Amino acid sequence: MKTPKPETFRETDAEALGLARRLIGDARHGALGVMIEGAPFVTRIALAPNADHLVTLISDLAPHTGGLRTTPEASLLIGDPGKGDPLAHPRMTLQVSAGFLEKSETAMTSYLAAQPKAQLYISFTDFHLVKLSIRDAWLNGGFGKAYRLGPDDLR
């Protein structure tokens, strides 16, 4: 008889919630995974955190823009590796739904607060603000510290 596999994820606690919220609040870039022509495609994007979502600015010239228009469900990896072993540092994979936003003055000002260098191109007509709404999250807080979180946990 086989021994049952132990639960991979820990019970969510205050420390995990704090770490997850900090990773989102500090996120200024991430690796975005989208589907293009039936295959995964990953690219680095700039981010601006918001209360319960993240915002990015992407161009029509980028392959991932078309991928998000076709299939708005995507994956986003956040967390800075720091020095040393990159797998020893906290990171979080988010399942997100992308929604293209109106480029209002308020939305652009909010994005530029986190990404001031985007001032050079945010007003170009081929650039779009995209809201990445979090559907699910997998937090890796370090060795043996894996958690599965929902959107309500991250607010």
C-alpha atoms as a PDB file:
ATOM      1  CA  MET A   1       0.000   0.000   0.000  1.00  0.00           C
ATOM      2  CA  LYS A   2       1.295   3.480  -0.945  1.00  0.00           C
ATOM      3  CA  THR A   3       1.813   6.123   1.691  1.00  0.00           C
ATOM      4  CA  PRO A   4      -0.296   9.231   0.905  1.00  0.00           C
ATOM      5  CA  LYS A   5       1.727  12.204  -0.338  1.00  0.00           C
ATOM      6  CA  PRO A   6       1.895  14.981   2.284  1.00  0.00           C
ATOM      7  CA  GLU A   7       0.097  18.226   1.517  1.00  0.00           C
ATOM      8  CA  THR A   8       2.397  20.428  -0.559  1.00  0.00           C
ATOM      9  CA  PHE A   9       0.947  23.750   0.595  1.00  0.00           C
ATOM     10  CA  ARG A  10       1.059  25.100   4.120  1.00  0.00           C
ATOM     11  CA  GLU A  11      -1.886  26.555   5.969  1.00  0.00           C
ATOM     12  CA  THR A  12      -2.007  30.272   5.143  1.00  0.00           C
ATOM     13  CA  ASP A  13      -0.925  32.427   8.081  1.00  0.00           C
ATOM     14  CA  ALA A  14      -0.359  36.134   8.764  1.00  0.00           C
ATOM     15  CA  GLU A  15       3.314  35.912   7.777  1.00  0.00           C
ATOM     16  CA  ALA A  16       2.441  34.428   4.355  1.00  0.00           C
ATOM     17  CA  LEU A  17      -0.287  37.011   3.759  1.00  0.00           C
ATOM     18  CA  GLY A  18       2.082  39.835   4.666  1.00  0.00           C
ATOM     19  CA  LEU A  19       4.788  38.499   2.356  1.00  0.00           C
ATOM     20  CA  ALA A  20       2.346  38.042  -0.529  1.00  0.00           C
ATOM     21  CA  ARG A  21       0.952  41.555  -0.135  1.00  0.00           C
ATOM     22  CA  ARG A  22       4.493  42.987   0.074  1.00  0.00           C
ATOM     23  CA  LEU A  23       5.529  41.176  -3.128  1.00  0.00           C
ATOM     24  CA  ILE A  24       2.543  42.677  -4.955  1.00  0.00           C
ATOM     25  CA  GLY A  25       3.036  46.150  -3.466  1.00  0.00           C
ATOM     26  CA  ASP A  26       6.739  46.168  -4.357  1.00  0.00           C
ATOM     27  CA  ALA A  27       6.311  44.684  -7.851  1.00  0.00           C
ATOM     28  CA  ARG A  28       7.735  46.950 -10.549  1.00  0.00           C
ATOM     29  CA  HIS A  29       8.339  44.212 -13.115  1.00  0.00           C
ATOM     30  CA  GLY A  30       7.402  40.613 -13.706  1.00  0.00           C
ATOM     31  CA  ALA A  31       7.498  37.759 -16.183  1.00  0.00           C
ATOM     32  CA  LEU A  32       4.199  37.559 -18.058  1.00  0.00           C
ATOM     33  CA  GLY A  33       3.181  34.279 -19.677  1.00  0.00           C
ATOM     34  CA  VAL A  34       0.551  34.391 -22.426  1.00  0.00           C
ATOM     35  CA  MET A  35      -0.636  32.017 -25.122  1.00  0.00           C
ATOM     36  CA  ILE A  36       0.366  32.824 -28.695  1.00  0.00           C
ATOM     37  CA  GLU A  37      -0.710  30.501 -31.505  1.00  0.00           C
ATOM     38  CA  GLY A  38      -1.329  27.699 -29.011  1.00  0.00           C
ATOM     39  CA  ALA A  39       2.069  27.910 -27.307  1.00  0.00           C
ATOM     40  CA  PRO A  40       3.279  29.659 -24.137  1.00  0.00           C
ATOM     41  CA  PHE A  41       5.172  32.924 -24.581  1.00  0.00           C
ATOM     42  CA  VAL A  42       6.931  34.668 -21.660  1.00  0.00           C
ATOM     43  CA  THR A  43       8.178  38.239 -21.557  1.00  0.00           C
ATOM     44  CA  ARG A  44       9.264  40.767 -18.939  1.00  0.00           C
ATOM     45  CA  ILE A  45       6.857  43.627 -18.320  1.00  0.00           C
ATOM     46  CA  ALA A  46       6.833  46.752 -16.154  1.00  0.00           C
ATOM     47  CA  LEU A  47       4.189  46.880 -13.419  1.00  0.00           C
ATOM     48  CA  ALA A  48       2.343  49.352 -11.245  1.00  0.00           C
ATOM     49  CA  PRO A  49       0.612  47.822  -8.208  1.00  0.00           C
ATOM     50  CA  ASN A  50      -2.919  48.820  -7.274  1.00  0.00           C
ATOM     51  CA  ALA A  51      -5.265  47.811  -4.456  1.00  0.00           C
ATOM     52  CA  ASP A  52      -6.326  44.412  -5.807  1.00  0.00           C
ATOM     53  CA  HIS A  53      -4.632  44.243  -9.201  1.00  0.00           C
ATOM     54  CA  LEU A  54      -1.557  45.250 -11.165  1.00  0.00           C
ATOM     55  CA  VAL A  55      -1.343  47.485 -14.228  1.00  0.00           C
ATOM     56  CA  THR A  56       1.061  47.277 -17.132  1.00  0.00           C
ATOM     57  CA  LEU A  57       1.644  49.356 -20.255  1.00  0.00           C
ATOM     58  CA  ILE A  58       2.099  47.414 -23.469  1.00  0.00           C
ATOM     59  CA  SER A  59       2.494  48.220 -27.157  1.00  0.00           C
ATOM     60  CA  ASP A  60       0.659  46.839 -30.158  1.00  0.00           C
ATOM     61  CA  LEU A  61       4.118  46.001 -31.541  1.00  0.00           C
ATOM     62  CA  ALA A  62       4.703  43.440 -28.752  1.00  0.00           C
ATOM     63  CA  PRO A  63       3.597  39.833 -29.388  1.00  0.00           C
ATOM     64  CA  HIS A  64       2.116  39.522 -25.900  1.00  0.00           C
ATOM     65  CA  THR A  65      -0.392  42.313 -26.617  1.00  0.00           C
ATOM     66  CA  GLY A  66      -2.063  40.215 -29.312  1.00  0.00           C
ATOM     67  CA  GLY A  67      -1.836  37.189 -27.040  1.00  0.00           C
ATOM     68  CA  LEU A  68      -3.741  39.017 -24.274  1.00  0.00           C
ATOM     69  CA  ARG A  69      -6.354  40.275 -26.726  1.00  0.00           C
ATOM     70  CA  THR A  70      -6.966  36.715 -27.941  1.00  0.00           C
ATOM     71  CA  THR A  71      -6.699  34.961 -24.554  1.00  0.00           C
ATOM     72  CA  PRO A  72      -6.915  37.371 -21.604  1.00  0.00           C
ATOM     73  CA  GLU A  73      -6.023  34.675 -19.052  1.00  0.00           C
ATOM     74  CA  ALA A  74      -2.316  34.788 -18.260  1.00  0.00           C
ATOM     75  CA  SER A  75       0.308  33.988 -15.668  1.00  0.00           C
ATOM     76  CA  LEU A  76       2.587  36.489 -13.955  1.00  0.00           C
ATOM     77  CA  LEU A  77       5.700  35.752 -11.885  1.00  0.00           C
ATOM     78  CA  ILE A  78       6.755  38.485  -9.454  1.00  0.00           C
ATOM     79  CA  GLY A  79       9.542  38.775  -6.877  1.00  0.00           C
ATOM     80  CA  ASP A  80      13.111  40.015  -7.091  1.00  0.00           C
ATOM     81  CA  PRO A  81      15.754  37.277  -6.940  1.00  0.00           C
ATOM     82  CA  GLY A  82      18.309  39.446  -5.134  1.00  0.00           C
ATOM     83  CA  LYS A  83      21.845  38.130  -4.697  1.00  0.00           C
ATOM     84  CA  GLY A  84      22.852  34.506  -4.447  1.00  0.00           C
ATOM     85  CA  ASP A  85      20.588  31.582  -5.239  1.00  0.00           C
ATOM     86  CA  PRO A  86      17.493  32.978  -7.022  1.00  0.00           C
ATOM     87  CA  LEU A  87      15.433  30.035  -5.766  1.00  0.00           C
ATOM     88  CA  ALA A  88      16.103  31.005  -2.154  1.00  0.00           C
ATOM     89  CA  HIS A  89      14.210  34.313  -2.519  1.00  0.00           C
ATOM     90  CA  PRO A  90      10.422  34.754  -2.188  1.00  0.00           C
ATOM     91  CA  ARG A  91       8.381  34.820  -5.363  1.00  0.00           C
ATOM     92  CA  MET A  92       4.772  34.468  -6.358  1.00  0.00           C
ATOM     93  CA  THR A  93       3.038  33.180  -9.453  1.00  0.00           C
ATOM     94  CA  LEU A  94      -0.285  34.845 -10.159  1.00  0.00           C
ATOM     95  CA  GLN A  95      -3.040  33.701 -12.474  1.00  0.00           C
ATOM     96  CA  VAL A  96      -4.506  36.889 -13.891  1.00  0.00           C
ATOM     97  CA  SER A  97      -7.209  38.103 -16.255  1.00  0.00           C
ATOM     98  CA  ALA A  98      -6.228  41.010 -18.484  1.00  0.00           C
ATOM     99  CA  GLY A  99      -8.524  43.892 -19.287  1.00  0.00           C
ATOM    100  CA  PHE A 100      -7.571  46.801 -21.524  1.00  0.00           C
ATOM    101  CA  LEU A 101      -8.191  50.149 -19.802  1.00  0.00           C
ATOM    102  CA  GLU A 102      -9.155  53.583 -21.025  1.00  0.00           C
ATOM    103  CA  LYS A 103      -6.051  55.804 -21.007  1.00  0.00           C
ATOM    104  CA  SER A 104      -7.554  58.453 -18.722  1.00  0.00           C
ATOM    105  CA  GLU A 105      -5.433  61.134 -17.064  1.00  0.00           C
ATOM    106  CA  THR A 106      -6.017  59.455 -13.687  1.00  0.00           C
ATOM    107  CA  ALA A 107      -4.963  56.011 -14.938  1.00  0.00           C
ATOM    108  CA  MET A 108      -1.848  57.382 -16.639  1.00  0.00           C
ATOM    109  CA  THR A 109      -0.840  59.428 -13.569  1.00  0.00           C
ATOM    110  CA  SER A 110      -1.263  56.367 -11.345  1.00  0.00           C
ATOM    111  CA  TYR A 111       0.869  54.228 -13.656  1.00  0.00           C
ATOM    112  CA  LEU A 112       3.566  56.899 -13.962  1.00  0.00           C
ATOM    113  CA  ALA A 113       3.859  57.121 -10.165  1.00  0.00           C
ATOM    114  CA  ALA A 114       5.321  53.596 -10.252  1.00  0.00           C
ATOM    115  CA  GLN A 115       6.970  53.794 -13.686  1.00  0.00           C
ATOM    116  CA  PRO A 116       8.109  57.423 -14.250  1.00  0.00           C
ATOM    117  CA  LYS A 117      10.316  56.566 -17.250  1.00  0.00           C
ATOM    118  CA  ALA A 118       7.175  55.507 -19.140  1.00  0.00           C
ATOM    119  CA  GLN A 119       6.428  59.234 -19.495  1.00  0.00           C
ATOM    120  CA  LEU A 120       8.445  59.039 -22.737  1.00  0.00           C
ATOM    121  CA  TYR A 121       5.922  56.756 -24.472  1.00  0.00           C
ATOM    122  CA  ILE A 122       2.716  56.426 -22.422  1.00  0.00           C
ATOM    123  CA  SER A 123       0.884  58.848 -24.723  1.00  0.00           C
ATOM    124  CA  PHE A 124       1.795  56.963 -27.927  1.00  0.00           C
ATOM    125  CA  THR A 125      -1.369  55.647 -29.575  1.00  0.00           C
ATOM    126  CA  ASP A 126      -0.032  52.087 -29.895  1.00  0.00           C
ATOM    127  CA  PHE A 127       0.500  51.808 -26.102  1.00  0.00           C
ATOM    128  CA  HIS A 128      -2.289  50.505 -23.858  1.00  0.00           C
ATOM    129  CA  LEU A 129      -2.783  50.268 -20.118  1.00  0.00           C
ATOM    130  CA  VAL A 130      -3.818  46.771 -19.084  1.00  0.00           C
ATOM    131  CA  LYS A 131      -5.331  45.816 -15.747  1.00  0.00           C
ATOM    132  CA  LEU A 132      -4.183  42.399 -14.511  1.00  0.00           C
ATOM    133  CA  SER A 133      -6.857  41.148 -12.091  1.00  0.00           C
ATOM    134  CA  ILE A 134      -5.610  38.408  -9.779  1.00  0.00           C
ATOM    135  CA  ARG A 135      -7.603  35.165  -9.903  1.00  0.00           C
ATOM    136  CA  ASP A 136      -5.273  32.850  -7.963  1.00  0.00           C
ATOM    137  CA  ALA A 137      -1.797  32.924  -6.437  1.00  0.00           C
ATOM    138  CA  TRP A 138       0.973  30.504  -5.510  1.00  0.00           C
ATOM    139  CA  LEU A 139       3.449  31.938  -3.023  1.00  0.00           C
ATOM    140  CA  ASN A 140       6.880  30.418  -2.573  1.00  0.00           C
ATOM    141  CA  GLY A 141       8.278  32.070   0.534  1.00  0.00           C
ATOM    142  CA  GLY A 142      11.475  30.023   0.560  1.00  0.00           C
ATOM    143  CA  PHE A 143      12.351  26.377   1.148  1.00  0.00           C
ATOM    144  CA  GLY A 144       9.327  24.503   2.496  1.00  0.00           C
ATOM    145  CA  LYS A 145       7.127  27.628   2.518  1.00  0.00           C
ATOM    146  CA  ALA A 146       4.577  27.132  -0.258  1.00  0.00           C
ATOM    147  CA  TYR A 147       1.093  28.621  -0.025  1.00  0.00           C
ATOM    148  CA  ARG A 148      -1.926  28.787  -2.281  1.00  0.00           C
ATOM    149  CA  LEU A 149      -3.804  32.072  -1.996  1.00  0.00           C
ATOM    150  CA  GLY A 150      -6.960  33.541  -3.460  1.00  0.00           C
ATOM    151  CA  PRO A 151      -7.711  37.121  -4.502  1.00  0.00           C
ATOM    152  CA  ASP A 152      -9.418  37.877  -1.170  1.00  0.00           C
ATOM    153  CA  ASP A 153      -6.204  36.932   0.668  1.00  0.00           C
ATOM    154  CA  LEU A 154      -4.290  39.588  -1.235  1.00  0.00           C
ATOM    155  CA  ARG A 155      -6.518  42.602  -0.520  1.00  0.00           C
END
